[in-house]
Amino acid sequence: MKKLSAFIIAIVITVTACAQYTDSTQYYASYASTGVINKTNTSHSYVLANTARFGIRKKKVSLNSFGNWIYGNNESGLTNNDVTATLDATINSKVKRLYYWALANYTSSFSLKINKQFQAGGGAAYDLVQSKSVALNVSEGVLFETNDLYIDTVRDKYNTVRNSFRLRFRFDFRELVVLDGTHYWQPSFLDGNDYIIRSNTSLTIKLRKWLGITAAFAYNRFNRTQKDNLLFNYGITMEKYF
């Protein structure tokens, strides 16, 4: 009962402080926890997602870190124990709306059968639209990747090089409804059947300027292991800029 209460508390608390920078905002930090619990007389299941962020923005350079842990269980046993940690830097160019990026990413995923995965690389991104209410950005780059996977029960260790395409958008409707999404398509240059899809979308309805109700949708697929996961979580979002 204590564990169930702790999960319920975690589900309804989401703290975020990273939606937008302003001229006076140079730092952000955030923590978010969302999830779903389903319990009946004959079955139970839950998924809990925890996310932490920290960012620094200067005039020409920005640095961002991101950590995510998803844990899930049902009557059959463990369903999710997925960890992602990312560090990226962006450098503004002389061309308006164009910037360069470098990234390092670590992933371990029970649901996708990834024991360890490390990505590092860089590329360029461009702001197609950038305003207070609408933001639309595309990014293209190359990632060098090392993997330690499970294909069925067989251990698979290999290296590859991937193209990394990203689409990011944010729509803010009169500061009442915010739709936010980040989507990745990462095919290997060496094997057309080896690709990664990562898709994250959230919808927040603002109750106050700093408080909102959030529904989050995530889909991930790692085609080499023939595994994917689909998550729909909800919770409360609290925002603060500094």
Protein backbone atom coordinates (compact mmCIF):
# COMPACT_ATOMS: atom_id res chain seq x y z
CA MET A 1 0.00 0.00 0.00
CA LYS A 2 2.88 2.37 0.76
CA LYS A 3 4.39 1.68 -2.69
CA LEU A 4 1.03 2.31 -4.36
CA SER A 5 0.64 5.62 -2.50
CA ALA A 6 4.15 6.68 -3.49
CA PHE A 7 3.42 6.00 -7.16
CA ILE A 8 0.15 7.96 -7.02
CA ILE A 9 1.96 10.94 -5.49
CA ALA A 10 4.68 10.73 -8.14
CA ILE A 11 2.15 10.58 -10.96
CA VAL A 12 0.44 13.85 -10.03
CA ILE A 13 3.65 15.85 -9.52
CA THR A 14 5.56 17.23 -12.49
CA VAL A 15 8.02 20.10 -12.08
CA THR A 16 9.34 21.79 -15.23
CA ALA A 17 11.40 24.95 -15.78
CA CYS A 18 12.66 24.75 -19.33
CA ALA A 19 9.94 25.68 -21.81
CA GLN A 20 11.43 28.93 -23.15
CA TYR A 21 14.40 31.20 -22.68
CA THR A 22 14.08 34.98 -22.50
CA ASP A 23 16.67 37.74 -22.66
CA SER A 24 17.07 37.54 -18.88
CA THR A 25 16.81 33.73 -18.62
CA GLN A 26 20.14 31.92 -18.94
CA TYR A 27 19.64 28.81 -16.82
CA TYR A 28 16.98 26.18 -16.35
CA ALA A 29 16.53 23.07 -14.24
CA SER A 30 13.60 20.69 -14.17
CA TYR A 31 12.24 17.46 -12.80
CA ALA A 32 9.17 15.64 -14.09
CA SER A 33 7.35 12.51 -12.99
CA THR A 34 4.33 11.11 -14.83
CA GLY A 35 2.73 7.71 -15.04
CA VAL A 36 -0.27 5.41 -15.09
CA ILE A 37 -1.47 2.85 -12.54
CA ASN A 38 -4.08 0.20 -13.33
CA LYS A 39 -5.22 -2.11 -10.51
CA THR A 40 -8.16 -4.52 -10.43
CA ASN A 41 -9.09 -7.55 -8.32
CA THR A 42 -7.28 -9.86 -10.75
CA SER A 43 -4.50 -7.78 -12.29
CA HIS A 44 -2.25 -4.77 -11.85
CA SER A 45 0.15 -2.72 -13.95
CA TYR A 46 1.99 0.58 -13.70
CA VAL A 47 4.45 2.69 -15.63
CA LEU A 48 6.40 5.55 -14.04
CA ALA A 49 8.51 8.02 -16.04
CA ASN A 50 11.05 10.34 -14.39
CA THR A 51 12.82 13.14 -16.27
CA ALA A 52 15.49 15.63 -15.15
CA ARG A 53 16.95 18.52 -17.17
CA PHE A 54 19.56 21.22 -16.78
CA GLY A 55 20.51 23.88 -19.32
CA ILE A 56 22.74 26.93 -19.75
CA ARG A 57 22.36 29.48 -22.53
CA LYS A 58 24.93 32.11 -23.39
CA LYS A 59 24.99 34.54 -26.31
CA LYS A 60 26.61 32.12 -28.78
CA VAL A 61 26.64 28.76 -26.99
CA SER A 62 24.04 26.64 -25.20
CA LEU A 63 24.59 23.49 -23.12
CA ASN A 64 21.80 21.07 -22.24
CA SER A 65 21.65 17.83 -20.27
CA PHE A 66 18.75 15.39 -20.09
CA GLY A 67 18.09 12.24 -18.07
CA ASN A 68 15.09 9.92 -18.30
CA TRP A 69 14.15 6.72 -16.42
CA ILE A 70 11.03 4.69 -17.24
CA TYR A 71 10.07 1.83 -14.95
CA GLY A 72 7.08 -0.47 -15.51
CA ASN A 73 5.67 -3.68 -14.08
CA ASN A 74 2.59 -5.90 -14.37
CA GLU A 75 1.44 -9.26 -13.03
CA SER A 76 3.75 -11.01 -15.51
CA GLY A 77 6.82 -9.17 -14.25
CA LEU A 78 9.09 -6.33 -15.40
CA THR A 79 8.01 -4.49 -18.56
CA ASN A 80 10.23 -1.37 -18.55
CA ASN A 81 13.54 -0.42 -17.03
CA ASP A 82 14.76 2.14 -19.55
CA VAL A 83 17.42 4.78 -18.95
CA THR A 84 18.51 7.60 -21.27
CA ALA A 85 21.14 10.28 -20.57
CA THR A 86 21.99 13.00 -23.10
CA LEU A 87 24.42 15.91 -23.19
CA ASP A 88 24.33 18.33 -26.13
CA ALA A 89 25.83 21.68 -27.05
CA THR A 90 24.72 24.17 -29.70
CA ILE A 91 26.74 26.96 -31.31
CA ASN A 92 25.10 29.82 -33.19
CA SER A 93 26.33 30.52 -36.73
CA LYS A 94 26.59 33.78 -38.63
CA VAL A 95 23.49 32.77 -40.59
CA LYS A 96 20.27 33.75 -38.83
CA ARG A 97 18.29 30.78 -37.46
CA LEU A 98 21.09 28.31 -38.29
CA TYR A 99 23.17 26.67 -35.57
CA TYR A 100 25.50 23.71 -35.11
CA TRP A 101 25.17 20.97 -32.52
CA ALA A 102 27.19 18.21 -30.88
CA LEU A 103 25.68 15.37 -28.87
CA ALA A 104 26.57 12.42 -26.64
CA ASN A 105 23.85 9.95 -25.66
CA TYR A 106 23.69 6.81 -23.49
CA THR A 107 20.75 4.37 -23.56
CA SER A 108 19.94 1.19 -21.67
CA SER A 109 16.49 -0.31 -22.28
CA PHE A 110 14.91 -3.51 -20.98
CA SER A 111 11.86 -3.09 -23.24
CA LEU A 112 13.96 -2.56 -26.40
CA LYS A 113 16.56 -5.22 -25.43
CA ILE A 114 19.41 -2.72 -25.39
CA ASN A 115 21.99 -3.60 -22.75
CA LYS A 116 24.17 -0.56 -23.55
CA GLN A 117 24.19 1.93 -26.40
CA PHE A 118 26.39 5.00 -26.82
CA GLN A 119 26.00 7.66 -29.55
CA ALA A 120 28.20 10.66 -30.30
CA GLY A 121 28.17 13.05 -33.23
CA GLY A 122 27.14 16.40 -34.58
CA GLY A 123 25.32 18.31 -37.28
CA ALA A 124 23.33 21.43 -38.07
CA ALA A 125 19.81 22.67 -37.29
CA TYR A 126 17.59 25.40 -38.68
CA ASP A 127 14.63 27.27 -37.21
CA LEU A 128 11.95 27.26 -39.91
CA VAL A 129 9.64 29.27 -37.66
CA GLN A 130 10.53 31.00 -34.41
CA SER A 131 8.04 33.20 -32.56
CA LYS A 132 6.46 33.47 -29.15
CA SER A 133 3.58 31.17 -30.10
CA VAL A 134 5.08 28.89 -32.80
CA ALA A 135 8.44 27.16 -33.11
CA LEU A 136 9.40 24.69 -35.85
CA ASN A 137 12.93 23.32 -36.16
CA VAL A 138 14.64 20.68 -38.32
CA SER A 139 18.02 19.09 -37.68
CA GLU A 140 20.35 16.81 -39.65
CA GLY A 141 23.58 15.16 -38.57
CA VAL A 142 25.76 12.05 -38.26
CA LEU A 143 26.12 9.83 -35.18
CA PHE A 144 28.79 7.23 -34.43
CA GLU A 145 27.27 4.42 -32.37
CA THR A 146 28.41 1.42 -30.33
CA ASN A 147 25.90 -1.22 -29.19
CA ASP A 148 25.56 -4.14 -26.81
CA LEU A 149 22.17 -5.76 -27.52
CA TYR A 150 20.10 -8.87 -26.99
CA ILE A 151 18.52 -10.40 -30.11
CA ASP A 152 16.28 -13.06 -28.58
CA THR A 153 18.79 -14.60 -26.15
CA VAL A 154 21.89 -13.93 -28.29
CA ARG A 155 24.31 -11.14 -27.30
CA ASP A 156 24.99 -8.79 -30.23
CA LYS A 157 27.84 -6.27 -30.03
CA TYR A 158 28.55 -4.02 -33.01
CA ASN A 159 29.34 -0.47 -34.16
CA THR A 160 27.59 1.57 -36.83
CA VAL A 161 27.17 5.09 -38.25
CA ARG A 162 23.72 6.68 -38.42
CA ASN A 163 22.07 9.59 -40.11
CA SER A 164 20.07 11.53 -37.50
CA PHE A 165 17.10 13.61 -38.61
CA ARG A 166 15.04 15.49 -36.01
CA LEU A 167 11.81 17.45 -36.22
CA ARG A 168 10.90 19.62 -33.25
CA PHE A 169 7.81 21.79 -32.81
CA ARG A 170 6.02 23.84 -30.19
CA PHE A 171 2.63 25.56 -30.47
CA ASP A 172 1.43 27.86 -27.70
CA PHE A 173 -2.22 28.82 -28.08
CA ARG A 174 -2.71 32.06 -26.14
CA GLU A 175 -0.74 30.62 -23.20
CA LEU A 176 -3.66 28.27 -22.51
CA VAL A 177 -2.79 25.15 -24.50
CA VAL A 178 0.77 24.06 -25.38
CA LEU A 179 1.58 21.27 -27.86
CA ASP A 180 5.22 20.17 -27.82
CA GLY A 181 6.93 17.43 -29.83
CA THR A 182 10.36 16.01 -30.71
CA HIS A 183 10.74 13.21 -33.28
CA TYR A 184 13.86 11.35 -34.48
CA TRP A 185 14.54 9.14 -37.51
CA GLN A 186 17.96 7.46 -37.32
CA PRO A 187 18.76 4.90 -40.06
CA SER A 188 22.15 3.22 -40.25
CA PHE A 189 24.33 4.00 -43.27
CA LEU A 190 25.58 0.41 -43.19
CA ASP A 191 22.30 -1.54 -42.96
CA GLY A 192 18.92 -0.33 -44.23
CA ASN A 193 17.07 -2.62 -41.78
CA ASP A 194 18.85 -1.09 -38.79
CA TYR A 195 16.95 2.05 -37.82
CA ILE A 196 15.74 3.85 -34.70
CA ILE A 197 12.52 5.82 -34.25
CA ARG A 198 11.99 8.07 -31.24
CA SER A 199 8.83 10.13 -30.94
CA ASN A 200 7.70 12.26 -27.98
CA THR A 201 4.65 14.56 -27.91
CA SER A 202 2.99 16.32 -24.99
CA LEU A 203 -0.16 18.40 -24.62
CA THR A 204 -0.50 20.78 -21.68
CA ILE A 205 -3.65 22.66 -20.68
CA LYS A 206 -2.75 25.63 -18.50
CA LEU A 207 -4.75 26.11 -15.30
CA ARG A 208 -2.48 28.97 -14.26
CA LYS A 209 0.61 30.49 -15.84
CA TRP A 210 2.75 28.14 -13.76
CA LEU A 211 0.37 25.17 -13.49
CA GLY A 212 -1.06 22.81 -16.11
CA ILE A 213 -2.41 19.33 -16.78
CA THR A 214 -0.17 17.35 -19.14
CA ALA A 215 -0.70 14.24 -21.28
CA ALA A 216 2.47 12.75 -22.79
CA PHE A 217 2.78 10.26 -25.66
CA ALA A 218 6.01 8.40 -26.50
CA TYR A 219 6.87 5.77 -29.11
CA ASN A 220 10.27 4.12 -29.53
CA ARG A 221 11.43 1.41 -31.92
CA PHE A 222 14.82 -0.24 -32.37
CA ASN A 223 14.41 -2.31 -35.50
CA ARG A 224 17.55 -4.44 -35.12
CA THR A 225 16.05 -6.12 -32.03
CA GLN A 226 12.52 -5.98 -33.50
CA LYS A 227 11.32 -4.30 -30.30
CA ASP A 228 9.25 -1.17 -29.67
CA ASN A 229 7.35 0.48 -26.83
CA LEU A 230 4.35 2.78 -26.70
CA LEU A 231 3.66 4.89 -23.60
CA PHE A 232 0.83 7.26 -22.72
CA ASN A 233 1.23 9.02 -19.36
CA TYR A 234 -0.41 11.97 -17.67
CA GLY A 235 0.23 14.26 -14.72
CA ILE A 236 0.46 17.85 -13.55
CA THR A 237 3.04 20.35 -14.84
CA MET A 238 4.46 23.23 -12.81
CA GLU A 239 6.70 25.78 -14.57
CA LYS A 240 9.14 28.40 -13.41
CA TYR A 241 11.59 30.52 -15.43
CA PHE A 242 14.78 32.01 -13.96
